[in-house]
Amino acid sequence: MWLKPAIVITFILLVISLASGFVFLMKDQGKTKRTLHSLGVRVTLAAILIGLVGYGVLTGSLASKAPWSAAGTAATPELQQSK
């Protein structure tokens, strides 16, 4: 229940960090280390996001519902009857 909101919040924070890094790059022109710190925050948030998605897939909280997914085609009884 907490996993999907955590993924959305982490993604939003990642986009905000990306935008702030761009602002720091344009404003400072490389004279300060704010752009580098923003990159560190962005990499950390990306690692957290990958970890949350991986945890969700491993525990079964997140699953693919794509039509080409092997798990999705085996679960639909209509496709099994037509074979």
N, C-alpha and C. Protein backbone atom coordinates (compact mmCIF):
# COMPACT_ATOMS: atom_id res chain seq x y z
N MET A 1 0.82 -1.19 0.00
CA MET A 1 0.00 0.00 0.00
C MET A 1 0.87 1.26 0.00
N TRP A 2 1.96 1.23 0.67
CA TRP A 2 2.84 2.40 0.77
C TRP A 2 3.81 2.47 -0.40
N LEU A 3 3.96 1.39 -1.17
CA LEU A 3 5.00 1.31 -2.18
C LEU A 3 4.75 2.25 -3.37
N LYS A 4 3.55 2.24 -3.91
CA LYS A 4 3.28 3.07 -5.08
C LYS A 4 3.38 4.57 -4.78
N PRO A 5 2.84 5.05 -3.65
CA PRO A 5 3.06 6.48 -3.34
C PRO A 5 4.53 6.82 -3.12
N ALA A 6 5.28 5.89 -2.53
CA ALA A 6 6.72 6.13 -2.32
C ALA A 6 7.44 6.24 -3.66
N ILE A 7 7.05 5.42 -4.64
CA ILE A 7 7.67 5.48 -5.97
C ILE A 7 7.33 6.81 -6.65
N VAL A 8 6.08 7.24 -6.55
CA VAL A 8 5.67 8.50 -7.18
C VAL A 8 6.39 9.68 -6.53
N ILE A 9 6.47 9.69 -5.21
CA ILE A 9 7.15 10.79 -4.51
C ILE A 9 8.63 10.82 -4.86
N THR A 10 9.27 9.65 -4.91
CA THR A 10 10.69 9.59 -5.28
C THR A 10 10.90 10.09 -6.70
N PHE A 11 10.01 9.73 -7.61
CA PHE A 11 10.14 10.19 -8.99
C PHE A 11 9.97 11.71 -9.09
N ILE A 12 9.02 12.26 -8.36
CA ILE A 12 8.82 13.71 -8.36
C ILE A 12 10.04 14.42 -7.79
N LEU A 13 10.60 13.89 -6.71
CA LEU A 13 11.82 14.47 -6.14
C LEU A 13 12.99 14.39 -7.12
N LEU A 14 13.05 13.30 -7.89
CA LEU A 14 14.10 13.15 -8.89
C LEU A 14 13.97 14.21 -9.98
N VAL A 15 12.77 14.48 -10.43
CA VAL A 15 12.55 15.51 -11.45
C VAL A 15 12.88 16.90 -10.90
N ILE A 16 12.51 17.16 -9.64
CA ILE A 16 12.84 18.44 -9.02
C ILE A 16 14.35 18.61 -8.92
N SER A 17 15.05 17.54 -8.56
CA SER A 17 16.51 17.60 -8.48
C SER A 17 17.13 17.85 -9.86
N LEU A 18 16.54 17.26 -10.88
CA LEU A 18 17.02 17.49 -12.24
C LEU A 18 16.86 18.95 -12.63
N ALA A 19 15.70 19.51 -12.32
CA ALA A 19 15.45 20.92 -12.65
C ALA A 19 16.36 21.85 -11.85
N SER A 20 16.57 21.55 -10.58
CA SER A 20 17.45 22.42 -9.79
C SER A 20 18.88 22.33 -10.27
N GLY A 21 19.32 21.16 -10.69
CA GLY A 21 20.66 21.03 -11.26
C GLY A 21 20.82 21.85 -12.52
N PHE A 22 19.79 21.88 -13.35
CA PHE A 22 19.84 22.69 -14.56
C PHE A 22 19.91 24.18 -14.23
N VAL A 23 19.12 24.60 -13.23
CA VAL A 23 19.14 26.01 -12.81
C VAL A 23 20.52 26.37 -12.26
N PHE A 24 21.09 25.49 -11.43
CA PHE A 24 22.42 25.76 -10.88
C PHE A 24 23.47 25.83 -11.98
N LEU A 25 23.35 24.97 -12.98
CA LEU A 25 24.30 24.97 -14.08
C LEU A 25 24.23 26.26 -14.88
N MET A 26 23.02 26.72 -15.16
CA MET A 26 22.86 27.95 -15.94
C MET A 26 23.23 29.19 -15.13
N LYS A 27 22.92 29.18 -13.85
CA LYS A 27 23.14 30.36 -13.03
C LYS A 27 24.61 30.52 -12.62
N ASP A 28 25.23 29.43 -12.20
CA ASP A 28 26.59 29.51 -11.67
C ASP A 28 27.67 29.38 -12.74
N GLN A 29 27.35 28.82 -13.87
CA GLN A 29 28.30 28.62 -14.97
C GLN A 29 29.51 27.79 -14.51
N GLY A 30 29.29 26.86 -13.60
CA GLY A 30 30.35 25.96 -13.16
C GLY A 30 31.28 26.55 -12.11
N LYS A 31 30.95 27.68 -11.52
CA LYS A 31 31.83 28.31 -10.54
C LYS A 31 31.65 27.73 -9.14
N THR A 32 30.53 27.12 -8.87
CA THR A 32 30.29 26.51 -7.56
C THR A 32 30.08 25.01 -7.72
N LYS A 33 29.96 24.33 -6.61
CA LYS A 33 29.78 22.87 -6.65
C LYS A 33 28.32 22.48 -6.46
N ARG A 34 27.40 23.44 -6.60
CA ARG A 34 25.98 23.12 -6.40
C ARG A 34 25.48 22.14 -7.46
N THR A 35 25.98 22.24 -8.68
CA THR A 35 25.56 21.32 -9.73
C THR A 35 26.02 19.91 -9.40
N LEU A 36 27.22 19.78 -8.88
CA LEU A 36 27.75 18.47 -8.51
C LEU A 36 26.95 17.86 -7.36
N HIS A 37 26.59 18.66 -6.40
CA HIS A 37 25.78 18.16 -5.28
C HIS A 37 24.39 17.76 -5.76
N SER A 38 23.84 18.50 -6.69
CA SER A 38 22.54 18.15 -7.26
C SER A 38 22.62 16.82 -8.00
N LEU A 39 23.74 16.59 -8.69
CA LEU A 39 23.93 15.31 -9.37
C LEU A 39 24.01 14.17 -8.36
N GLY A 40 24.68 14.39 -7.25
CA GLY A 40 24.76 13.36 -6.21
C GLY A 40 23.39 13.03 -5.64
N VAL A 41 22.58 14.05 -5.41
CA VAL A 41 21.22 13.83 -4.91
C VAL A 41 20.40 13.06 -5.95
N ARG A 42 20.56 13.41 -7.21
CA ARG A 42 19.81 12.76 -8.28
C ARG A 42 20.20 11.29 -8.42
N VAL A 43 21.48 10.99 -8.32
CA VAL A 43 21.94 9.60 -8.41
C VAL A 43 21.41 8.79 -7.22
N THR A 44 21.44 9.40 -6.04
CA THR A 44 20.92 8.72 -4.85
C THR A 44 19.42 8.44 -4.98
N LEU A 45 18.67 9.44 -5.45
CA LEU A 45 17.23 9.24 -5.64
C LEU A 45 16.95 8.18 -6.70
N ALA A 46 17.75 8.14 -7.76
CA ALA A 46 17.57 7.13 -8.80
C ALA A 46 17.83 5.73 -8.24
N ALA A 47 18.85 5.60 -7.39
CA ALA A 47 19.14 4.30 -6.77
C ALA A 47 18.00 3.88 -5.84
N ILE A 48 17.45 4.83 -5.10
CA ILE A 48 16.30 4.53 -4.24
C ILE A 48 15.10 4.10 -5.07
N LEU A 49 14.87 4.80 -6.18
CA LEU A 49 13.74 4.46 -7.07
C LEU A 49 13.91 3.06 -7.64
N ILE A 50 15.10 2.72 -8.08
CA ILE A 50 15.35 1.38 -8.62
C ILE A 50 15.16 0.33 -7.53
N GLY A 51 15.61 0.64 -6.33
CA GLY A 51 15.43 -0.28 -5.21
C GLY A 51 13.97 -0.49 -4.87
N LEU A 52 13.18 0.58 -4.87
CA LEU A 52 11.74 0.45 -4.58
C LEU A 52 11.03 -0.37 -5.64
N VAL A 53 11.35 -0.13 -6.90
CA VAL A 53 10.72 -0.90 -7.98
C VAL A 53 11.14 -2.37 -7.91
N GLY A 54 12.42 -2.60 -7.66
CA GLY A 54 12.90 -3.98 -7.52
C GLY A 54 12.24 -4.69 -6.36
N TYR A 55 12.10 -4.01 -5.23
CA TYR A 55 11.42 -4.59 -4.07
C TYR A 55 9.96 -4.92 -4.41
N GLY A 56 9.31 -4.02 -5.12
CA GLY A 56 7.92 -4.25 -5.50
C GLY A 56 7.75 -5.43 -6.43
N VAL A 57 8.66 -5.60 -7.35
CA VAL A 57 8.58 -6.72 -8.28
C VAL A 57 8.88 -8.04 -7.56
N LEU A 58 9.89 -8.02 -6.69
CA LEU A 58 10.25 -9.25 -5.98
C LEU A 58 9.18 -9.70 -5.00
N THR A 59 8.51 -8.77 -4.35
CA THR A 59 7.48 -9.14 -3.39
C THR A 59 6.12 -9.38 -4.06
N GLY A 60 5.97 -9.00 -5.30
CA GLY A 60 4.71 -9.20 -6.00
C GLY A 60 3.76 -8.02 -5.88
N SER A 61 4.19 -6.94 -5.25
CA SER A 61 3.34 -5.75 -5.14
C SER A 61 3.18 -5.04 -6.48
N LEU A 62 4.19 -5.14 -7.33
CA LEU A 62 4.15 -4.56 -8.67
C LEU A 62 4.25 -5.70 -9.68
N ALA A 63 3.42 -5.66 -10.68
CA ALA A 63 3.44 -6.69 -11.72
C ALA A 63 3.16 -6.05 -13.06
N SER A 64 3.65 -6.68 -14.08
CA SER A 64 3.43 -6.18 -15.44
C SER A 64 2.07 -6.65 -15.93
N LYS A 65 1.32 -5.72 -16.51
CA LYS A 65 0.03 -6.07 -17.11
C LYS A 65 0.06 -5.83 -18.62
N ALA A 66 1.26 -5.84 -19.16
CA ALA A 66 1.42 -5.61 -20.59
C ALA A 66 0.89 -6.81 -21.37
N PRO A 67 0.29 -6.58 -22.52
CA PRO A 67 -0.26 -7.70 -23.29
C PRO A 67 0.81 -8.66 -23.80
N TRP A 68 2.04 -8.20 -23.97
CA TRP A 68 3.10 -9.06 -24.46
C TRP A 68 3.86 -9.76 -23.34
N SER A 69 3.47 -9.50 -22.11
CA SER A 69 4.14 -10.12 -20.96
C SER A 69 3.76 -11.59 -20.87
N ALA A 70 4.73 -12.43 -20.58
CA ALA A 70 4.48 -13.87 -20.47
C ALA A 70 3.55 -14.16 -19.29
N ALA A 71 3.72 -13.42 -18.21
CA ALA A 71 2.85 -13.63 -17.05
C ALA A 71 1.43 -13.19 -17.35
N GLY A 72 1.26 -12.16 -18.15
CA GLY A 72 -0.07 -11.65 -18.47
C GLY A 72 -0.84 -12.59 -19.38
N THR A 73 -0.17 -13.26 -20.34
CA THR A 73 -0.88 -14.15 -21.26
C THR A 73 -1.23 -15.47 -20.61
N ALA A 74 -0.42 -15.92 -19.66
CA ALA A 74 -0.73 -17.19 -19.00
C ALA A 74 -1.89 -17.04 -18.02
N ALA A 75 -2.13 -15.84 -17.55
CA ALA A 75 -3.16 -15.62 -16.54
C ALA A 75 -4.54 -15.43 -17.13
N THR A 76 -4.64 -15.14 -18.43
CA THR A 76 -5.96 -14.88 -19.02
C THR A 76 -6.57 -16.19 -19.52
N PRO A 77 -7.73 -16.56 -19.04
CA PRO A 77 -8.34 -17.84 -19.43
C PRO A 77 -8.82 -17.85 -20.88
N GLU A 78 -9.16 -16.69 -21.46
CA GLU A 78 -9.62 -16.65 -22.84
C GLU A 78 -8.54 -17.13 -23.80
N LEU A 79 -7.31 -16.73 -23.54
CA LEU A 79 -6.22 -17.13 -24.42
C LEU A 79 -5.87 -18.61 -24.25
N GLN A 80 -6.04 -19.14 -23.05
CA GLN A 80 -5.74 -20.54 -22.83
C GLN A 80 -6.77 -21.44 -23.50
N GLN A 81 -8.03 -21.02 -23.57
CA GLN A 81 -9.07 -21.82 -24.19
C GLN A 81 -8.92 -21.84 -25.70
N SER A 82 -8.39 -20.77 -26.29
CA SER A 82 -8.28 -20.71 -27.75
C SER A 82 -7.13 -21.53 -28.29
N LYS A 83 -6.24 -21.96 -27.43
CA LYS A 83 -5.06 -22.72 -27.90
C LYS A 83 -5.37 -24.16 -28.16
